[in-house]
Amino acid sequence: MRTDLGPIQPSYVPPNCRIATTDGDEGWAFRQRFDLIHSHVLNNTSLRNWPQFHREALASLTLGGWVEPQEFSYKRYSDDGSHLTNSRVEYWQDLWTKA
């Protein structure tokens, strides 16, 4: 199962894969249980209600199932403090986070 907000799916889909257009903020759209629920790049882009998403995802797992959110931060860091705090990249990061 794969979901997306819009119908921008590939033309070839493996026979064991189904694609649904759904919005994670509008409630869980699935009745079946899953062994794995994987999500990625939902922070600062589309999902607004993380507690609801996790409650519904956890309730939809099979026994021993796993929820795996993969997210990242747009904030840049350096291990030695050498990044420029007033750079254009820093400016872009701030605009992206506020948007």
N, C-alpha and C. Protein backbone atom coordinates (compact mmCIF):
# COMPACT_ATOMS: atom_id res chain seq x y z
N MET A 1 0.85 -1.17 0.00
CA MET A 1 0.00 0.00 0.00
C MET A 1 0.90 1.23 0.00
N ARG A 2 0.56 2.18 -0.84
CA ARG A 2 1.27 3.46 -0.88
C ARG A 2 0.21 4.54 -0.95
N THR A 3 0.43 5.63 -0.23
CA THR A 3 -0.52 6.74 -0.28
C THR A 3 0.21 8.01 -0.68
N ASP A 4 -0.56 8.95 -1.20
CA ASP A 4 -0.03 10.26 -1.55
C ASP A 4 -1.20 11.24 -1.55
N LEU A 5 -0.89 12.51 -1.37
CA LEU A 5 -1.93 13.54 -1.42
C LEU A 5 -2.50 13.74 -2.82
N GLY A 6 -1.68 13.52 -3.81
CA GLY A 6 -2.12 13.75 -5.19
C GLY A 6 -1.92 12.53 -6.06
N PRO A 7 -2.62 12.49 -7.18
CA PRO A 7 -2.52 11.34 -8.09
C PRO A 7 -1.31 11.45 -9.02
N ILE A 8 -0.13 11.47 -8.45
CA ILE A 8 1.11 11.61 -9.24
C ILE A 8 1.89 10.31 -9.18
N GLN A 9 1.25 9.22 -9.52
CA GLN A 9 1.84 7.91 -9.35
C GLN A 9 2.55 7.44 -10.61
N PRO A 10 3.48 6.52 -10.45
CA PRO A 10 4.18 5.97 -11.62
C PRO A 10 3.26 5.14 -12.49
N SER A 11 3.63 4.98 -13.75
CA SER A 11 2.79 4.19 -14.66
C SER A 11 2.92 2.70 -14.37
N TYR A 12 4.08 2.25 -13.89
CA TYR A 12 4.24 0.84 -13.55
C TYR A 12 4.16 0.67 -12.04
N VAL A 13 3.30 -0.20 -11.59
CA VAL A 13 3.17 -0.51 -10.18
C VAL A 13 3.24 -2.03 -10.04
N PRO A 14 4.07 -2.56 -9.15
CA PRO A 14 4.13 -4.01 -8.98
C PRO A 14 2.76 -4.58 -8.63
N PRO A 15 2.49 -5.81 -9.00
CA PRO A 15 1.17 -6.39 -8.77
C PRO A 15 0.79 -6.50 -7.30
N ASN A 16 1.77 -6.53 -6.41
CA ASN A 16 1.45 -6.63 -4.98
C ASN A 16 1.38 -5.26 -4.29
N CYS A 17 1.29 -4.19 -5.07
CA CYS A 17 1.24 -2.84 -4.52
C CYS A 17 -0.05 -2.15 -4.95
N ARG A 18 -0.68 -1.48 -4.00
CA ARG A 18 -1.88 -0.71 -4.29
C ARG A 18 -1.60 0.73 -3.88
N ILE A 19 -2.09 1.68 -4.67
CA ILE A 19 -1.85 3.10 -4.40
C ILE A 19 -3.19 3.78 -4.11
N ALA A 20 -3.21 4.58 -3.04
CA ALA A 20 -4.43 5.30 -2.67
C ALA A 20 -4.09 6.78 -2.51
N THR A 21 -4.99 7.64 -2.95
CA THR A 21 -4.85 9.08 -2.74
C THR A 21 -5.62 9.42 -1.47
N THR A 22 -4.91 9.89 -0.46
CA THR A 22 -5.54 10.18 0.82
C THR A 22 -4.75 11.25 1.57
N ASP A 23 -5.39 11.89 2.51
CA ASP A 23 -4.78 12.93 3.33
C ASP A 23 -4.67 12.42 4.76
N GLY A 24 -3.46 12.30 5.27
CA GLY A 24 -3.25 11.78 6.61
C GLY A 24 -3.89 12.60 7.71
N ASP A 25 -4.19 13.86 7.46
CA ASP A 25 -4.84 14.70 8.47
C ASP A 25 -6.35 14.51 8.52
N GLU A 26 -6.90 13.78 7.59
CA GLU A 26 -8.36 13.60 7.56
C GLU A 26 -8.79 12.25 8.10
N GLY A 27 -7.98 11.65 8.92
CA GLY A 27 -8.32 10.37 9.52
C GLY A 27 -7.77 9.20 8.74
N TRP A 28 -7.66 8.09 9.41
CA TRP A 28 -7.09 6.88 8.83
C TRP A 28 -8.05 6.28 7.83
N ALA A 29 -7.57 6.00 6.64
CA ALA A 29 -8.43 5.56 5.54
C ALA A 29 -8.42 4.05 5.32
N PHE A 30 -7.80 3.28 6.22
CA PHE A 30 -7.61 1.86 5.96
C PHE A 30 -8.23 1.01 7.06
N ARG A 31 -8.84 -0.09 6.66
CA ARG A 31 -9.43 -1.00 7.64
C ARG A 31 -8.53 -2.19 7.94
N GLN A 32 -7.66 -2.54 7.00
CA GLN A 32 -6.80 -3.70 7.21
C GLN A 32 -5.65 -3.35 8.15
N ARG A 33 -4.97 -4.38 8.62
CA ARG A 33 -3.81 -4.21 9.50
C ARG A 33 -2.54 -4.36 8.67
N PHE A 34 -1.47 -3.73 9.16
CA PHE A 34 -0.20 -3.71 8.45
C PHE A 34 0.92 -4.23 9.33
N ASP A 35 1.90 -4.88 8.69
CA ASP A 35 3.12 -5.31 9.39
C ASP A 35 4.08 -4.13 9.56
N LEU A 36 4.08 -3.24 8.58
CA LEU A 36 4.97 -2.09 8.59
C LEU A 36 4.23 -0.87 8.05
N ILE A 37 4.33 0.23 8.78
CA ILE A 37 3.81 1.51 8.30
C ILE A 37 5.00 2.46 8.26
N HIS A 38 5.39 2.84 7.07
CA HIS A 38 6.55 3.71 6.85
C HIS A 38 6.07 5.06 6.33
N SER A 39 6.59 6.12 6.90
CA SER A 39 6.29 7.46 6.39
C SER A 39 7.60 8.22 6.27
N HIS A 40 7.62 9.18 5.36
CA HIS A 40 8.82 10.02 5.25
C HIS A 40 8.46 11.39 4.70
N VAL A 41 9.22 12.36 5.16
CA VAL A 41 9.13 13.76 4.75
C VAL A 41 7.71 14.32 4.94
N LEU A 42 7.15 14.09 6.11
CA LEU A 42 5.85 14.68 6.44
C LEU A 42 6.00 15.91 7.32
N ASN A 43 7.15 16.06 7.98
CA ASN A 43 7.32 17.22 8.84
C ASN A 43 7.49 18.49 8.01
N ASN A 44 6.87 19.53 8.44
CA ASN A 44 6.93 20.84 7.77
C ASN A 44 6.44 20.81 6.33
N THR A 45 5.76 19.75 5.92
CA THR A 45 5.28 19.71 4.54
C THR A 45 3.80 19.45 4.44
N SER A 46 3.30 18.46 5.15
CA SER A 46 1.88 18.16 4.96
C SER A 46 1.17 17.75 6.24
N LEU A 47 1.73 16.88 7.04
CA LEU A 47 1.03 16.36 8.21
C LEU A 47 1.00 17.38 9.33
N ARG A 48 -0.18 17.68 9.83
CA ARG A 48 -0.33 18.68 10.88
C ARG A 48 -0.63 18.05 12.25
N ASN A 49 -1.22 16.86 12.25
CA ASN A 49 -1.63 16.25 13.51
C ASN A 49 -0.86 14.95 13.76
N TRP A 50 0.37 15.10 14.24
CA TRP A 50 1.22 13.93 14.50
C TRP A 50 0.63 12.99 15.54
N PRO A 51 0.09 13.48 16.67
CA PRO A 51 -0.48 12.54 17.65
C PRO A 51 -1.58 11.66 17.05
N GLN A 52 -2.46 12.26 16.25
CA GLN A 52 -3.53 11.48 15.61
C GLN A 52 -2.94 10.45 14.65
N PHE A 53 -1.98 10.86 13.84
CA PHE A 53 -1.35 9.95 12.89
C PHE A 53 -0.76 8.74 13.61
N HIS A 54 -0.01 8.99 14.68
CA HIS A 54 0.62 7.88 15.40
C HIS A 54 -0.40 7.00 16.12
N ARG A 55 -1.44 7.58 16.70
CA ARG A 55 -2.48 6.75 17.33
C ARG A 55 -3.11 5.81 16.31
N GLU A 56 -3.48 6.36 15.16
CA GLU A 56 -4.14 5.55 14.14
C GLU A 56 -3.18 4.54 13.51
N ALA A 57 -1.94 4.92 13.31
CA ALA A 57 -0.96 3.98 12.76
C ALA A 57 -0.72 2.83 13.73
N LEU A 58 -0.50 3.14 15.00
CA LEU A 58 -0.27 2.08 15.99
C LEU A 58 -1.47 1.15 16.12
N ALA A 59 -2.67 1.70 16.04
CA ALA A 59 -3.88 0.87 16.13
C ALA A 59 -4.06 -0.01 14.90
N SER A 60 -3.38 0.29 13.81
CA SER A 60 -3.53 -0.47 12.56
C SER A 60 -2.44 -1.50 12.35
N LEU A 61 -1.60 -1.71 13.34
CA LEU A 61 -0.51 -2.68 13.20
C LEU A 61 -0.96 -4.08 13.56
N THR A 62 -0.35 -5.06 12.90
CA THR A 62 -0.49 -6.44 13.33
C THR A 62 0.36 -6.63 14.58
N LEU A 63 0.17 -7.73 15.28
CA LEU A 63 0.97 -8.03 16.46
C LEU A 63 2.44 -8.10 16.04
N GLY A 64 3.28 -7.32 16.68
CA GLY A 64 4.70 -7.27 16.33
C GLY A 64 5.01 -6.32 15.19
N GLY A 65 4.00 -5.58 14.70
CA GLY A 65 4.20 -4.64 13.60
C GLY A 65 5.02 -3.43 14.03
N TRP A 66 5.37 -2.62 13.06
CA TRP A 66 6.33 -1.54 13.28
C TRP A 66 5.90 -0.27 12.56
N VAL A 67 5.97 0.87 13.23
CA VAL A 67 5.77 2.18 12.60
C VAL A 67 7.15 2.80 12.44
N GLU A 68 7.47 3.23 11.23
CA GLU A 68 8.80 3.76 10.94
C GLU A 68 8.70 5.12 10.25
N PRO A 69 8.64 6.22 11.03
CA PRO A 69 8.67 7.55 10.41
C PRO A 69 10.13 7.96 10.15
N GLN A 70 10.41 8.44 8.96
CA GLN A 70 11.74 8.94 8.63
C GLN A 70 11.61 10.41 8.27
N GLU A 71 12.14 11.25 9.12
CA GLU A 71 12.05 12.69 8.93
C GLU A 71 13.44 13.31 9.02
N PHE A 72 13.55 14.52 8.61
CA PHE A 72 14.82 15.22 8.70
C PHE A 72 14.56 16.68 9.03
N SER A 73 15.62 17.35 9.43
CA SER A 73 15.54 18.77 9.75
C SER A 73 16.22 19.55 8.64
N TYR A 74 15.64 20.69 8.30
CA TYR A 74 16.25 21.55 7.29
C TYR A 74 17.38 22.38 7.89
N LYS A 75 17.47 22.40 9.19
CA LYS A 75 18.51 23.18 9.86
C LYS A 75 19.86 22.55 9.63
N ARG A 76 20.84 23.35 9.26
CA ARG A 76 22.18 22.85 8.99
C ARG A 76 23.07 23.08 10.20
N TYR A 77 23.91 22.11 10.46
CA TYR A 77 24.85 22.18 11.58
C TYR A 77 26.23 21.76 11.09
N SER A 78 27.25 22.12 11.84
CA SER A 78 28.59 21.62 11.55
C SER A 78 29.21 21.16 12.87
N ASP A 79 30.00 20.12 12.81
CA ASP A 79 30.58 19.57 14.03
C ASP A 79 31.63 20.49 14.65
N ASP A 80 32.18 21.40 13.87
CA ASP A 80 33.21 22.29 14.42
C ASP A 80 32.77 23.75 14.49
N GLY A 81 31.48 24.02 14.23
CA GLY A 81 30.97 25.38 14.31
C GLY A 81 31.39 26.28 13.17
N SER A 82 31.85 25.71 12.07
CA SER A 82 32.38 26.52 10.97
C SER A 82 31.32 26.99 9.98
N HIS A 83 30.07 26.59 10.15
CA HIS A 83 29.05 27.04 9.20
C HIS A 83 28.78 28.54 9.40
N LEU A 84 28.39 29.17 8.35
CA LEU A 84 28.14 30.62 8.39
C LEU A 84 26.71 30.87 8.85
N THR A 85 26.55 31.60 9.95
CA THR A 85 25.21 31.83 10.48
C THR A 85 24.44 32.88 9.69
N ASN A 86 25.09 33.72 8.94
CA ASN A 86 24.39 34.73 8.15
C ASN A 86 24.45 34.44 6.65
N SER A 87 24.57 33.18 6.29
CA SER A 87 24.69 32.81 4.88
C SER A 87 23.33 32.78 4.21
N ARG A 88 23.31 32.70 2.89
CA ARG A 88 22.07 32.58 2.12
C ARG A 88 21.38 31.25 2.42
N VAL A 89 22.17 30.22 2.70
CA VAL A 89 21.59 28.92 3.05
C VAL A 89 20.82 29.03 4.36
N GLU A 90 21.40 29.71 5.33
CA GLU A 90 20.73 29.93 6.61
C GLU A 90 19.44 30.74 6.41
N TYR A 91 19.50 31.75 5.57
CA TYR A 91 18.32 32.56 5.24
C TYR A 91 17.23 31.69 4.61
N TRP A 92 17.60 30.84 3.65
CA TRP A 92 16.64 29.94 3.00
C TRP A 92 16.02 28.99 4.01
N GLN A 93 16.85 28.42 4.90
CA GLN A 93 16.35 27.51 5.93
C GLN A 93 15.29 28.18 6.78
N ASP A 94 15.54 29.39 7.19
CA ASP A 94 14.58 30.12 8.02
C ASP A 94 13.28 30.36 7.26
N LEU A 95 13.37 30.75 5.98
CA LEU A 95 12.16 30.96 5.18
C LEU A 95 11.38 29.66 5.02
N TRP A 96 12.07 28.57 4.74
CA TRP A 96 11.42 27.27 4.54
C TRP A 96 10.69 26.84 5.81
N THR A 97 11.34 27.00 6.96
CA THR A 97 10.75 26.58 8.22
C THR A 97 9.51 27.41 8.55
N LYS A 98 9.53 28.70 8.22
CA LYS A 98 8.39 29.57 8.51
C LYS A 98 7.22 29.34 7.55
N ALA A 99 7.49 28.82 6.37
CA ALA A 99 6.45 28.64 5.34
C ALA A 99 5.45 27.59 5.67
